[in-house]
Protein backbone atom coordinates (compact mmCIF):
# COMPACT_ATOMS: atom_id res chain seq x y z
CA MET A 1 0.00 0.00 0.00
CA SER A 2 1.27 3.47 -0.86
CA LEU A 3 1.99 5.84 1.97
CA PHE A 4 -0.65 8.18 0.57
CA ASP A 5 -3.35 5.50 0.87
CA VAL A 6 -3.17 5.14 4.63
CA SER A 7 -6.45 7.00 5.17
CA GLU A 8 -9.79 5.98 3.73
CA ASP A 9 -11.44 9.11 5.07
CA PHE A 10 -10.97 11.38 2.06
CA GLU A 11 -13.57 13.82 3.39
CA LEU A 12 -11.36 14.36 6.44
CA LYS A 13 -8.29 14.80 4.26
CA GLU A 14 -10.09 17.41 2.17
CA LYS A 15 -11.19 19.28 5.28
CA ILE A 16 -7.65 19.24 6.64
CA LYS A 17 -6.44 20.65 3.31
CA LEU A 18 -8.85 23.58 3.74
CA ALA A 19 -7.56 24.21 7.26
CA VAL A 20 -3.93 23.99 6.14
CA ASP A 21 -4.57 26.48 3.31
CA ALA A 22 -6.08 28.88 5.82
CA ILE A 23 -3.17 28.52 8.23
CA ILE A 24 -0.62 29.11 5.47
CA GLU A 25 -2.54 32.15 4.21
CA ASN A 26 -2.51 33.53 7.73
CA ILE A 27 1.15 32.99 8.40
CA SER A 28 2.37 34.09 4.97
CA LYS A 29 1.65 37.68 6.01
CA SER A 30 4.68 37.56 8.33
CA ASN A 31 6.96 36.88 5.34
CA LYS A 32 9.67 35.26 7.51
CA THR A 33 12.38 33.64 5.41
CA THR A 34 15.72 31.89 5.67
CA GLU A 35 18.57 31.40 3.20
CA ILE A 36 19.34 28.07 1.57
CA TYR A 37 21.62 26.96 -1.26
CA LYS A 38 20.64 25.02 -4.35
CA PRO A 39 22.45 23.72 -7.45
CA VAL A 40 21.88 25.63 -10.69
CA ASP A 41 23.13 25.27 -14.25
CA GLU A 42 26.77 24.46 -15.00
CA GLY A 43 27.56 23.19 -11.52
CA ASP A 44 27.11 26.50 -9.71
CA ILE A 45 25.35 27.00 -6.39
CA ASP A 46 22.92 29.87 -5.73
CA ARG A 47 21.77 31.35 -2.44
CA VAL A 48 17.97 31.78 -2.30
CA GLU A 49 15.40 32.70 0.32
CA ILE A 50 12.59 30.38 1.38
CA PRO A 51 9.94 30.56 4.11
CA VAL A 52 10.92 29.37 7.56
CA PRO A 53 8.71 26.28 8.09
CA GLU A 54 8.68 26.60 11.87
CA ARG A 55 6.95 29.96 11.57
CA THR A 56 3.79 28.20 10.44
CA ILE A 57 3.29 26.64 13.88
CA SER A 58 4.07 29.59 16.13
CA PRO A 59 0.96 31.86 16.18
CA GLU A 60 -1.87 31.48 18.67
CA TYR A 61 -4.70 30.69 16.29
CA ASN A 62 -7.46 30.60 18.89
CA ASN A 63 -6.98 34.30 19.63
CA SER A 64 -6.52 35.47 16.05
CA PRO A 65 -9.18 37.83 14.65
CA ASP A 66 -8.33 36.90 11.05
CA SER A 67 -11.35 35.59 9.17
CA GLU A 68 -9.60 32.53 7.69
CA ILE A 69 -8.97 31.17 11.18
CA GLY A 70 -12.71 30.64 11.49
CA ILE A 71 -12.31 27.81 8.96
CA VAL A 72 -9.66 26.20 11.16
CA THR A 73 -11.89 26.44 14.22
CA GLU A 74 -14.82 24.93 12.32
CA ILE A 75 -12.76 22.01 11.04
CA VAL A 76 -11.26 21.34 14.48
CA GLU A 77 -14.79 21.17 15.92
CA TYR A 78 -15.70 18.70 13.17
CA MET A 79 -12.65 16.56 14.03
CA ILE A 80 -13.58 16.55 17.71
CA SER A 81 -17.25 15.70 17.13
CA SER A 82 -16.52 12.97 14.58
CA ASP A 83 -13.42 11.74 16.43
CA SER A 84 -12.13 11.18 12.92
CA ILE A 85 -8.47 10.68 13.81
CA ARG A 86 -9.37 8.49 16.82
CA ILE A 87 -6.97 10.23 19.16
CA GLU A 88 -7.53 7.72 21.99
CA GLU A 89 -6.16 4.92 19.81
CA TYR A 90 -2.96 6.90 19.39
CA MET A 91 -2.44 7.25 23.11
CA SER A 92 -0.31 4.09 23.33
CA PHE A 93 2.32 5.48 20.95
CA ASP A 94 4.81 7.96 22.34
CA ILE A 95 5.35 9.60 18.98
CA HIS A 96 1.65 10.40 18.60
CA ARG A 97 1.49 11.69 22.15
CA GLN A 98 4.43 13.93 21.27
CA TYR A 99 2.69 15.26 18.16
CA PHE A 100 -0.51 15.93 20.07
CA HIS A 101 1.39 17.50 23.00
CA LEU A 102 -0.34 15.26 25.53
CA ASP A 103 1.08 14.71 28.98
CA GLU A 104 1.81 11.08 29.95
CA SER A 105 -0.59 11.34 32.88
CA ILE A 106 -3.58 12.03 30.57
CA GLU A 107 -5.35 8.76 29.89
CA GLU A 108 -8.38 10.25 28.15
CA PRO A 109 -8.19 13.84 26.88
CA ASP A 110 -11.12 16.18 27.44
CA ARG A 111 -12.62 18.42 24.77
CA ASP A 112 -10.28 21.36 25.36
CA GLN A 113 -7.23 19.08 25.27
CA LYS A 114 -8.45 17.55 22.01
CA ARG A 115 -8.98 21.00 20.53
CA GLU A 116 -5.40 22.03 21.34
CA ALA A 117 -4.05 18.72 20.07
CA TYR A 118 -5.87 18.96 16.73
CA ILE A 119 -4.85 22.59 16.20
CA GLU A 120 -1.23 21.60 16.85
CA LEU A 121 -1.61 18.77 14.34
CA LEU A 122 -2.92 21.12 11.65
CA LYS A 123 -0.06 23.52 12.26
CA ARG A 124 2.42 20.72 11.77
CA VAL A 125 0.81 19.64 8.50
CA ALA A 126 1.04 23.25 7.30
CA ALA A 127 4.69 23.53 8.36
CA SER A 128 5.57 20.31 6.57
CA ALA A 129 3.77 21.34 3.38
CA VAL A 130 5.59 24.68 3.26
CA LYS A 131 8.89 22.85 3.73
CA TYR A 132 8.20 20.59 0.76
CA ALA A 133 6.97 23.45 -1.43
CA GLY A 134 9.74 25.86 -0.53
CA SER A 135 7.15 28.63 -0.62
CA TYR A 136 3.70 29.52 0.69
CA GLU A 137 2.24 28.33 -2.61
CA ILE A 138 1.74 24.61 -1.95
CA ASP A 139 0.30 22.14 -4.43
CA GLN A 140 -1.55 18.87 -3.85
CA ASN A 141 1.65 16.78 -3.87
CA ASP A 142 3.20 18.97 -1.18
CA PHE A 143 0.08 18.57 0.93
CA ASN A 144 -0.13 14.81 0.34
CA ARG A 145 3.43 14.27 1.58
CA ALA A 146 2.87 16.48 4.61
CA TYR A 147 -0.45 14.81 5.41
CA ALA A 148 1.01 11.31 5.20
CA GLU A 149 4.04 11.99 7.39
CA THR A 150 2.24 14.10 10.00
CA VAL A 151 -1.27 12.69 10.41
CA PHE A 152 -0.05 9.11 10.22
CA PRO A 153 3.56 9.19 11.42
CA SER A 154 5.49 6.03 12.19
CA GLU A 155 8.12 5.62 14.86
CA GLU A 156 9.07 2.12 13.77
CA ILE A 157 10.13 2.49 10.13
CA PRO A 158 13.72 3.73 9.71
CA THR A 159 14.64 5.68 6.61
CA MET A 160 17.61 5.86 4.29
CA GLN A 161 19.97 8.59 5.41
CA ARG A 162 23.02 9.97 3.69
CA TYR A 163 25.91 11.28 5.80
CA VAL A 164 28.78 13.34 4.42
CA SER A 165 31.97 14.35 6.27
CA PRO A 166 34.50 16.58 4.45
CA LEU A 167 38.08 15.31 4.54
CA VAL A 168 40.68 17.94 5.28
CA ASN A 169 44.06 17.87 3.55
CA PHE A 170 43.19 14.71 1.58
CA ARG A 171 43.50 13.81 -2.10
CA SER A 172 42.96 10.56 -3.96
CA SER A 173 43.37 9.48 -7.56
CA GLU A 174 39.82 8.08 -7.65
CA SER A 175 36.72 7.34 -5.60
CA PHE A 176 36.51 4.00 -3.79
CA GLU A 177 34.25 2.02 -1.48
CA LEU A 178 35.10 0.57 1.93
CA TYR A 179 33.95 -2.54 3.74
CA SER A 180 30.62 -1.74 5.42
CA ASN A 181 29.37 -4.98 7.00
CA ILE A 182 30.42 -3.76 10.42
CA HIS A 183 29.14 -5.10 13.72
CA LEU A 184 28.04 -2.00 15.62
CA ASP A 185 28.08 -3.43 19.13
CA GLY A 186 27.49 -0.92 21.90
CA TYR A 187 25.96 1.84 19.81
CA GLN A 188 22.63 3.45 20.53
CA TRP A 189 20.95 2.72 17.22
CA ASP A 190 20.60 -0.52 15.33
CA ASP A 191 21.80 1.03 12.08
CA ARG A 192 22.39 -0.96 8.93
CA ILE A 193 25.27 0.54 7.01
CA GLU A 194 24.59 0.19 3.30
CA LYS A 195 27.68 1.83 1.89
CA ILE A 196 30.85 3.66 2.93
CA GLU A 197 32.91 5.44 0.30
CA ILE A 198 35.59 8.07 -0.06
CA THR A 199 34.67 10.30 -2.96
CA PRO A 200 34.33 13.90 -4.10
CA PRO A 201 30.99 15.25 -2.84
CA ASN A 202 28.47 15.98 -5.57
CA ILE A 203 26.96 19.42 -6.13
CA TYR A 204 23.77 18.46 -4.25
CA GLU A 205 25.68 17.41 -1.16
CA ILE A 206 27.77 20.58 -1.21
CA ALA A 207 24.61 22.71 -1.46
CA SER A 208 23.13 20.79 1.46
CA ILE A 209 26.28 21.36 3.54
CA TYR A 210 26.15 25.07 2.72
CA THR A 211 22.52 25.14 3.82
CA THR A 212 23.02 23.14 7.00
CA HIS A 213 26.04 25.12 8.13
CA ASN A 214 26.10 28.66 6.77
CA TRP A 215 29.12 28.90 4.49
CA ASP A 216 30.28 32.14 6.11
CA LEU A 217 30.72 30.19 9.35
CA LEU A 218 32.43 27.11 7.91
CA SER A 219 35.90 28.57 8.33
CA ASP A 220 35.24 28.78 12.08
CA SER A 221 35.15 24.98 12.08
CA GLY A 222 38.42 24.77 10.18
CA ILE A 223 36.70 23.74 6.95
CA HIS A 224 37.47 25.72 3.82
CA GLU A 225 36.15 25.44 0.28
CA ALA A 226 39.17 23.44 -0.86
CA ASP A 227 38.44 20.84 1.83
CA LEU A 228 35.21 19.88 0.08
CA ASP A 229 37.21 18.17 -2.67
CA TYR A 230 36.82 14.80 -0.90
CA CYS A 231 34.54 13.39 1.75
CA VAL A 232 33.52 10.22 3.57
CA ARG A 233 30.00 9.37 2.38
CA ILE A 234 27.91 6.93 4.39
CA LYS A 235 24.51 5.57 3.41
CA ALA A 236 22.58 3.89 6.18
CA ILE A 237 19.14 2.50 6.96
CA THR A 238 18.68 4.26 10.25
CA ARG A 239 16.60 6.37 12.53
CA PRO A 240 17.92 9.92 12.44
CA SER A 241 21.16 9.82 14.43
CA PHE A 242 24.70 11.14 14.13
CA VAL A 243 26.18 8.79 16.72
CA THR A 244 27.24 5.86 14.57
CA GLU A 245 27.96 7.77 11.38
CA ALA A 246 30.24 10.32 13.06
CA GLU A 247 32.12 7.45 14.73
CA ILE A 248 32.53 5.69 11.38
CA THR A 249 34.09 8.82 9.87
CA LYS A 250 36.41 9.09 12.88
CA ALA A 251 37.42 5.44 12.44
CA VAL A 252 38.04 5.85 8.69
CA VAL A 253 40.30 8.85 9.31
CA THR A 254 42.16 6.96 12.05
CA ALA A 255 42.70 4.10 9.59
CA LEU A 256 44.05 6.54 6.97
CA ARG A 257 46.50 7.97 9.52
CA LEU A 258 47.70 4.55 10.65
CA PHE A 259 47.96 3.28 7.10
CA LYS A 260 50.20 6.06 5.85
CA LEU A 261 52.45 7.52 8.51
CA TYR A 262 54.12 10.93 8.43
CA LYS A 263 51.05 12.37 6.68
CA VAL A 264 48.17 14.29 8.25
CA VAL A 265 44.52 13.95 7.28
CA ASP A 266 41.56 15.31 9.23
CA TYR A 267 37.80 15.65 8.91
CA GLY A 268 34.97 18.09 9.52
CA LYS A 269 31.47 17.73 10.83
CA THR A 270 29.19 14.89 9.76
CA TYR A 271 26.26 16.33 7.79
CA ALA A 272 23.04 14.31 7.61
CA GLN A 273 20.90 14.47 4.49
CA GLN A 274 17.57 12.70 4.20
CA LYS A 275 16.70 10.64 1.16
CA GLY A 276 13.70 12.75 0.15
CA PRO A 277 14.93 15.49 -2.20
CA LEU A 278 13.17 18.83 -1.99
CA TYR A 279 12.02 19.66 -5.51
CA TYR A 280 12.19 23.41 -5.11
CA ARG A 281 15.94 23.05 -4.49
CA ASN A 282 16.55 21.22 -7.77
CA PHE A 283 16.55 17.84 -6.02
CA CYS A 284 19.10 18.89 -3.43
CA PHE A 285 18.94 16.54 -0.45
CA ASP A 286 17.18 17.86 2.62
CA PRO A 287 19.75 18.93 5.24
CA VAL A 288 18.82 17.45 8.60
CA GLY A 289 21.69 18.89 10.62
CA SER A 290 25.30 18.26 11.58
CA SER A 291 27.25 16.58 14.34
CA PRO A 292 29.62 18.41 16.69
CA SER A 293 33.06 18.78 15.14
CA ASP A 294 36.21 17.18 16.52
CA TYR A 295 38.28 19.29 14.14
CA VAL A 296 40.88 21.72 15.49
CA ASN A 297 43.71 23.49 13.75
CA GLN A 298 45.83 20.58 14.80
CA THR A 299 49.45 20.36 15.82
CA PRO A 300 51.66 19.24 14.10
CA ARG A 301 50.24 21.19 11.19
CA PRO A 302 50.28 19.53 7.75
CA THR A 303 52.97 20.60 5.32
CA GLU A 304 51.63 18.67 2.33
CA ASP A 305 48.51 16.80 1.23
CA TYR A 306 47.77 13.25 2.24
CA VAL A 307 47.59 11.57 -1.17
CA LEU A 308 46.30 8.03 -1.71
CA SER A 309 47.36 6.73 -5.11
CA ALA A 310 45.50 4.19 -7.24
CA ASP A 311 48.08 1.53 -6.32
CA GLU A 312 47.60 2.21 -2.60
CA ILE A 313 43.78 2.09 -2.56
CA PRO A 314 43.40 -1.76 -2.59
CA ALA A 315 45.89 -2.07 0.28
CA PHE A 316 44.02 0.53 2.30
CA GLN A 317 40.69 -1.20 1.61
CA GLU A 318 42.19 -4.42 3.02
CA PHE A 319 43.62 -2.53 6.01
CA TRP A 320 40.21 -0.98 6.77
CA GLU A 321 38.35 -4.30 6.49
CA ALA A 322 40.83 -5.97 8.83
CA HIS A 323 40.66 -3.32 11.55
CA ALA A 324 37.36 -1.45 11.11
CA GLU A 325 35.50 -2.96 14.06
CA VAL A 326 38.37 -2.42 16.50
CA LEU A 327 38.85 1.17 15.35
CA LEU A 328 35.12 1.85 15.51
CA THR A 329 34.25 0.32 18.86
CA ASP A 330 35.43 2.65 21.61
CA SER A 331 34.26 0.12 24.18
CA ASN A 332 36.92 -2.34 23.00
CA ASP A 333 38.93 -2.95 26.19
CA ILE A 334 42.07 -3.94 24.32
CA PHE A 335 42.69 -0.94 22.07
CA SER A 336 40.36 1.85 23.21
CA GLU A 337 42.95 3.69 25.35
CA PRO A 338 45.89 3.79 22.89
CA ILE A 339 43.61 4.65 19.95
CA ARG A 340 41.94 7.40 21.96
CA ARG A 341 45.34 8.84 22.87
CA TYR A 342 46.53 8.61 19.29
CA ARG A 343 43.45 10.44 18.04
CA GLY A 344 43.98 13.01 20.76
CA THR A 345 47.42 13.94 19.43
CA PHE A 346 45.71 15.37 16.34
CA GLN A 347 43.44 17.58 18.43
CA LYS A 348 46.12 19.30 20.50
CA GLN A 349 47.08 22.92 20.16
CA SER A 350 50.62 22.47 21.53
CA TYR A 351 53.54 20.20 20.70
CA GLU A 352 53.95 19.45 24.42
CA ASP A 353 50.44 17.93 24.61
CA VAL A 354 51.21 15.80 21.54
CA VAL A 355 54.28 14.37 23.30
CA VAL A 356 52.45 13.65 26.55
CA ASP A 357 49.51 11.93 24.86
CA SER A 358 51.89 9.89 22.69
CA VAL A 359 53.77 8.63 25.76
CA ILE A 360 50.52 7.71 27.53
CA GLY A 361 49.50 5.78 24.42
CA MET A 362 52.84 3.94 24.41
CA GLU A 363 52.50 3.09 28.09
CA SER A 364 49.03 1.63 27.47
CA THR A 365 50.46 -0.75 24.87
CA ILE A 366 54.12 -1.60 24.96
CA LEU A 367 54.40 -1.15 28.76
CA LYS A 368 51.04 -2.72 29.55
CA ASP A 369 51.13 -5.03 32.62
CA LEU A 370 54.84 -4.36 33.09
CA GLY A 371 54.81 -4.23 36.88
CA THR A 372 56.92 -2.08 39.21
CA GLN A 373 59.99 -4.29 39.40
CA ASN A 374 61.20 -3.45 35.90
CA SER A 375 63.08 -0.47 34.48
CA ILE A 376 60.38 1.29 32.48
CA LEU A 377 62.63 3.12 30.05
CA PHE A 378 64.90 0.13 29.44
CA ARG A 379 61.91 -2.18 28.84
CA LEU A 380 60.35 0.42 26.55
CA LYS A 381 63.51 0.47 24.43
CA LEU A 382 63.81 -3.31 24.25
CA ARG A 383 60.18 -3.98 23.40
CA SER A 384 59.97 -1.07 20.95
CA TYR A 385 62.93 -2.30 18.95
CA GLU A 386 61.65 -5.88 18.96
CA LEU A 387 58.19 -4.73 17.83
CA ILE A 388 58.87 -1.94 15.31
CA GLY A 389 62.64 -2.08 14.72
CA GLU A 390 62.20 -3.31 11.16
CA GLU A 391 59.53 -0.70 10.40
CA VAL A 392 61.34 2.50 11.40
CA ARG A 393 63.51 4.40 8.99
CA PHE A 394 66.60 4.67 11.19
CA SER A 395 69.05 2.45 13.09
CA LYS A 396 68.65 0.69 16.42
CA ASP A 397 70.84 3.30 18.13
CA ASP A 398 68.75 6.12 16.67
CA LEU A 399 65.52 4.40 17.76
CA TRP A 400 66.87 4.02 21.28
CA ASN A 401 67.95 7.67 21.26
CA LEU A 402 64.47 8.67 20.10
CA ILE A 403 62.85 6.67 22.92
CA ASP A 404 65.26 8.36 25.37
CA ASN A 405 64.25 11.76 24.02
CA ILE A 406 60.53 10.98 24.12
CA TYR A 407 60.58 9.81 27.73
CA PHE A 408 62.96 12.57 28.84
CA SER A 409 60.86 15.31 27.21
CA ARG A 410 57.67 13.89 28.73
CA SER A 411 59.23 14.10 32.19
CA GLU A 412 60.50 17.65 31.63
CA ILE A 413 57.08 18.78 30.35
CA VAL A 414 55.03 17.15 33.11
CA HIS A 415 57.36 17.62 36.09
CA GLY A 416 59.50 20.57 35.00
CA GLY A 417 56.90 22.66 33.18
CA LYS A 418 59.23 23.18 30.24
CA SER A 419 58.30 23.76 26.64
CA LEU A 420 59.56 21.44 23.92
CA GLU A 421 61.53 24.30 22.41
CA GLU A 422 63.31 24.90 25.72
CA ILE A 423 64.12 21.21 26.09
CA ILE A 424 65.68 21.04 22.61
CA GLU A 425 67.60 24.30 23.12
CA ASP A 426 69.19 22.84 26.28
CA HIS A 427 70.99 20.37 23.95
CA ARG A 428 70.08 17.51 26.26
CA PHE A 429 68.51 15.52 23.45
CA GLU A 430 70.31 12.54 22.04
CA GLN A 431 70.91 13.24 18.36
CA ILE A 432 68.88 11.26 15.83
CA ASP A 433 70.42 10.62 12.45
CA GLY A 434 73.17 13.08 13.38
CA LYS A 435 70.92 16.07 14.14
CA GLU A 436 68.39 17.51 16.56
CA PRO A 437 64.77 17.75 15.40
CA SER A 438 62.63 20.88 15.54
CA PRO A 439 59.62 20.87 17.93
CA ARG A 440 57.27 20.14 15.03
CA GLN A 441 59.45 17.33 13.71
CA PHE A 442 59.78 15.81 17.18
CA ALA A 443 56.00 15.91 17.77
CA ASN A 444 55.55 14.22 14.39
CA LEU A 445 58.02 11.52 15.40
CA CYS A 446 56.13 10.89 18.65
CA GLN A 447 52.88 10.47 16.74
CA SER A 448 54.53 8.17 14.23
CA VAL A 449 56.15 5.91 16.83
CA LEU A 450 52.81 5.53 18.63
CA ALA A 451 51.10 4.83 15.28
CA LEU A 452 53.65 2.15 14.40
CA ILE A 453 53.19 0.50 17.79
CA ILE A 454 49.39 0.49 17.50
CA ARG A 455 49.54 -0.78 13.92
CA GLU A 456 51.77 -3.72 14.86
CA TYR A 457 49.53 -4.74 17.76
CA LEU A 458 46.46 -4.46 15.51
CA THR A 459 48.08 -6.67 12.89
CA VAL A 460 48.95 -9.35 15.43
CA TYR A 461 45.47 -9.20 16.95
CA ASN A 462 43.82 -9.51 13.54
CA GLN A 463 45.97 -12.47 12.53
CA SER A 464 45.84 -14.52 15.73
CA GLU A 465 43.63 -12.67 18.28
CA THR A 466 46.75 -12.23 20.41
CA ASN A 467 46.04 -9.32 22.75
CA ILE A 468 48.53 -6.68 23.92
CA THR A 469 49.53 -8.45 27.14
CA GLU A 470 50.10 -11.75 25.34
CA LYS A 471 52.15 -10.07 22.62
CA ASN A 472 54.29 -8.32 25.25
CA LYS A 473 55.08 -11.70 26.81
CA GLN A 474 56.13 -12.95 23.38
CA LEU A 475 58.36 -9.89 22.93
CA ASP A 476 60.04 -10.53 26.29
CA ASN A 477 60.65 -14.16 25.40
CA GLU A 478 62.16 -13.16 22.05
CA ILE A 479 64.41 -10.62 23.79
CA ILE A 480 65.61 -13.29 26.25
CA SER A 481 66.24 -15.84 23.52
CA GLU A 482 68.32 -13.32 21.54
CA ASP A 483 70.50 -12.63 24.59
């Protein structure tokens, strides 16, 4: 059955149409508008004004002297006397109670309560119709859609949602899809992820982002026009929610960072766009809203784009499929702390905070369950070389010097209150590859060492389900056997 066939009472529907027309005629006199963006010819985007839908539900109609409101009052009285929408039958559904503005303690509404409930319902139909029309001139199709979704709403049927998150500082040779059959344990909504892809946003999505988050304000979130070149696009069968989709974007970006070290990629807000295109906006998707942004003007700041070549895309797709669920599930007891610390290094405003978070991340992995009887720094050096010695781009001595510098600088920052610049200027750093790094270079190295450590533990866990503690025992045994 079509959604528009849910009511057999066409006389009621016609009466409601009369009331909605009267309400819209009444409110159109206020001429309240808002600005939206829509695609136009040749790929351009125009800024246009449309009515503010919420304004159609704000006036107090009972006290209005306008003549057209008499029609609304008459139709409401008809609805009450005929009980045509059977309000009592809706009492068991929270969503209907919400639409009718009925308190939970009301088991059977009286006449005045019904009158207020029906007036509120008519206002909502009018607001919805104006939204679909994009003007105060609604047609029958606009009314039909508004009538179906408002008079007979459903709280059980999820809808297809599209979520778009701009990628900052990212370029790719082509669009590509990512594994999406992810087990979303621990999340609020039982979403079904249909598709995850990294792709340039289309003109409709860009217009929707402009509309959702006024373009003049986008720079305040760190997002600039160039950063809309690529995005993470997620399609999901879901109730409206940003929880899962924003976390998926965060996990995808974490995977990109771990996959290709020494490069920086970031992301903006997650913008939700419903499946139903609004025709007055040239089929631009309806902007539902946006998630809070984790983006900051991060330290270390990027010096060049993160570029994923065509040859690298299949390897990254495999990397994402292998580690997606661990990166997504913050409740994962094994990796949640080091991954959280690693992500945190990209949200810090100072190099000192990057160093401290990196060391905490190292301690939660390579020093996990070490005990108090061991030399922390010495064990950190031994295990680090055994774990990532073949992955780093310098010698064993340089790796040990780097670990010395990392732990020494952490102590000076936390206990001595020194800046990283002061620590380096004291010439107390062990030289790495024959030279001392700058503060930015050193912060980058801290991030990269932590990323290498996390990546190695993830690989082992994916291959054999060996957790961090078990892998550390293996590292110790290998160190002993080599001695």
